[in-house]
Structure formats: structure tokens, C-alpha cells
Amino acid sequence: GKVVISTDVGGVKDVMSDGESGILCPDNDKSKFCESLEKLILDKNLRTQMGEKGKEFTKEKFHVNRLVSDIKKLYLELLNQ
């Protein structure tokens, strides 16, 4: 897995976990973005750990079985209204 550094905009929080699978920086905060990038460049273990967490996060959150289960649950809720 690869580590993500992003600004905290849009739906980024939906596809990564800040501090675990990547780093979110405040929008337009160039110094925080540069600090985070430097931190990852200098710490191979952190890059590896966050990359693996990102891979796990994505597999859990977007696995086809989970998505099918969520859609089924939604349909059942709608039918019971």
C-alpha cells in the first residue's frame, strides 16, 4: 500500500484514516503539508506501516461483500417504512 497525504477537503476522510493510513492537512496549510511530507520521507517504517493500514482500510471499507451487505440493509429498511 501507499501512504496518502492530502488536504482535508471533499470526501477524503471517506477513503483514508488520518494518522493511520495517511495524513490529512488543513486546506491551504503549506507548512503542515511540507512537514508531513518530510516526516514520511525520513521515516521508512512509518511509510510502510501507514501503507499497510491503508490497504487494510480499503479492503474492509470497499470489499464487495460489505458493499452488498450495506445495500441489502438499505433496501430492507426502505421496504419496512
Protein backbone atom coordinates (compact mmCIF):
# COMPACT_ATOMS: atom_id res chain seq x y z
CA GLY A 1 0.00 0.00 0.00
CA LYS A 2 0.94 3.61 -0.49
CA VAL A 3 0.62 6.42 2.01
CA VAL A 4 -1.67 9.32 1.18
CA ILE A 5 -1.03 12.94 2.11
CA SER A 6 -3.97 15.17 1.30
CA THR A 7 -5.69 18.34 2.28
CA ASP A 8 -8.85 17.90 4.31
CA VAL A 9 -11.35 18.61 1.55
CA GLY A 10 -14.27 16.82 -0.06
CA GLY A 11 -14.65 13.14 0.70
CA VAL A 12 -11.02 12.38 1.51
CA LYS A 13 -11.98 11.28 5.04
CA ASP A 14 -14.17 8.61 3.45
CA VAL A 15 -11.22 6.88 1.78
CA MET A 16 -8.50 7.24 4.40
CA SER A 17 -8.00 7.36 8.15
CA ASP A 18 -5.96 10.38 9.29
CA GLY A 19 -2.85 9.38 11.22
CA GLU A 20 -3.32 5.68 10.44
CA SER A 21 -3.43 5.17 6.69
CA GLY A 22 -2.38 8.65 5.68
CA ILE A 23 -2.08 12.25 6.76
CA LEU A 24 -4.71 14.97 6.36
CA CYS A 25 -3.53 18.56 6.37
CA PRO A 26 -5.70 21.63 6.76
CA ASP A 27 -6.65 23.14 3.41
CA ASN A 28 -4.12 25.76 2.24
CA ASP A 29 -1.61 24.95 5.03
CA LYS A 30 1.57 24.56 3.01
CA SER A 31 3.85 24.29 6.04
CA LYS A 32 1.85 21.38 7.55
CA PHE A 33 1.82 19.64 4.18
CA CYS A 34 5.61 20.04 3.84
CA GLU A 35 6.15 18.85 7.44
CA SER A 36 4.07 15.75 6.80
CA LEU A 37 5.85 15.01 3.55
CA GLU A 38 9.26 15.39 5.19
CA LYS A 39 8.19 13.14 8.08
CA LEU A 40 7.24 10.38 5.65
CA ILE A 41 10.37 10.80 3.53
CA LEU A 42 12.58 10.40 6.60
CA ASP A 43 10.70 7.51 8.25
CA LYS A 44 10.53 4.38 6.10
CA ASN A 45 8.86 2.37 8.89
CA LEU A 46 6.08 4.93 9.18
CA ARG A 47 5.54 4.87 5.40
CA THR A 48 5.37 1.08 5.41
CA GLN A 49 3.04 0.93 8.42
CA MET A 50 0.67 3.58 7.06
CA GLY A 51 0.70 1.97 3.62
CA GLU A 52 -0.33 -1.39 5.08
CA LYS A 53 -3.05 0.25 7.19
CA GLY A 54 -4.32 1.98 4.05
CA LYS A 55 -4.51 -1.30 2.20
CA GLU A 56 -6.42 -2.91 5.10
CA PHE A 57 -8.75 0.10 5.41
CA THR A 58 -9.58 -0.02 1.70
CA LYS A 59 -10.17 -3.78 1.69
CA GLU A 60 -12.52 -3.53 4.68
CA LYS A 61 -14.40 -0.42 3.62
CA PHE A 62 -14.80 -1.21 -0.07
CA HIS A 63 -14.90 -5.01 -0.15
CA VAL A 64 -17.72 -6.26 -2.37
CA ASN A 65 -19.28 -8.33 0.44
CA ARG A 66 -19.53 -5.31 2.71
CA LEU A 67 -20.97 -3.15 -0.06
CA VAL A 68 -23.60 -5.79 -0.93
CA SER A 69 -24.49 -6.13 2.76
CA ASP A 70 -24.91 -2.36 3.10
CA ILE A 71 -27.13 -2.15 0.02
CA LYS A 72 -29.25 -5.09 1.21
CA LYS A 73 -29.66 -3.44 4.61
CA LEU A 74 -30.70 -0.17 2.96
CA TYR A 75 -33.29 -1.89 0.75
CA LEU A 76 -34.74 -3.76 3.73
CA GLU A 77 -35.02 -0.51 5.69
CA LEU A 78 -36.77 1.18 2.77
CA LEU A 79 -39.21 -1.72 2.36
CA ASN A 80 -40.11 -1.59 6.05
CA GLN A 81 -41.01 2.11 6.03
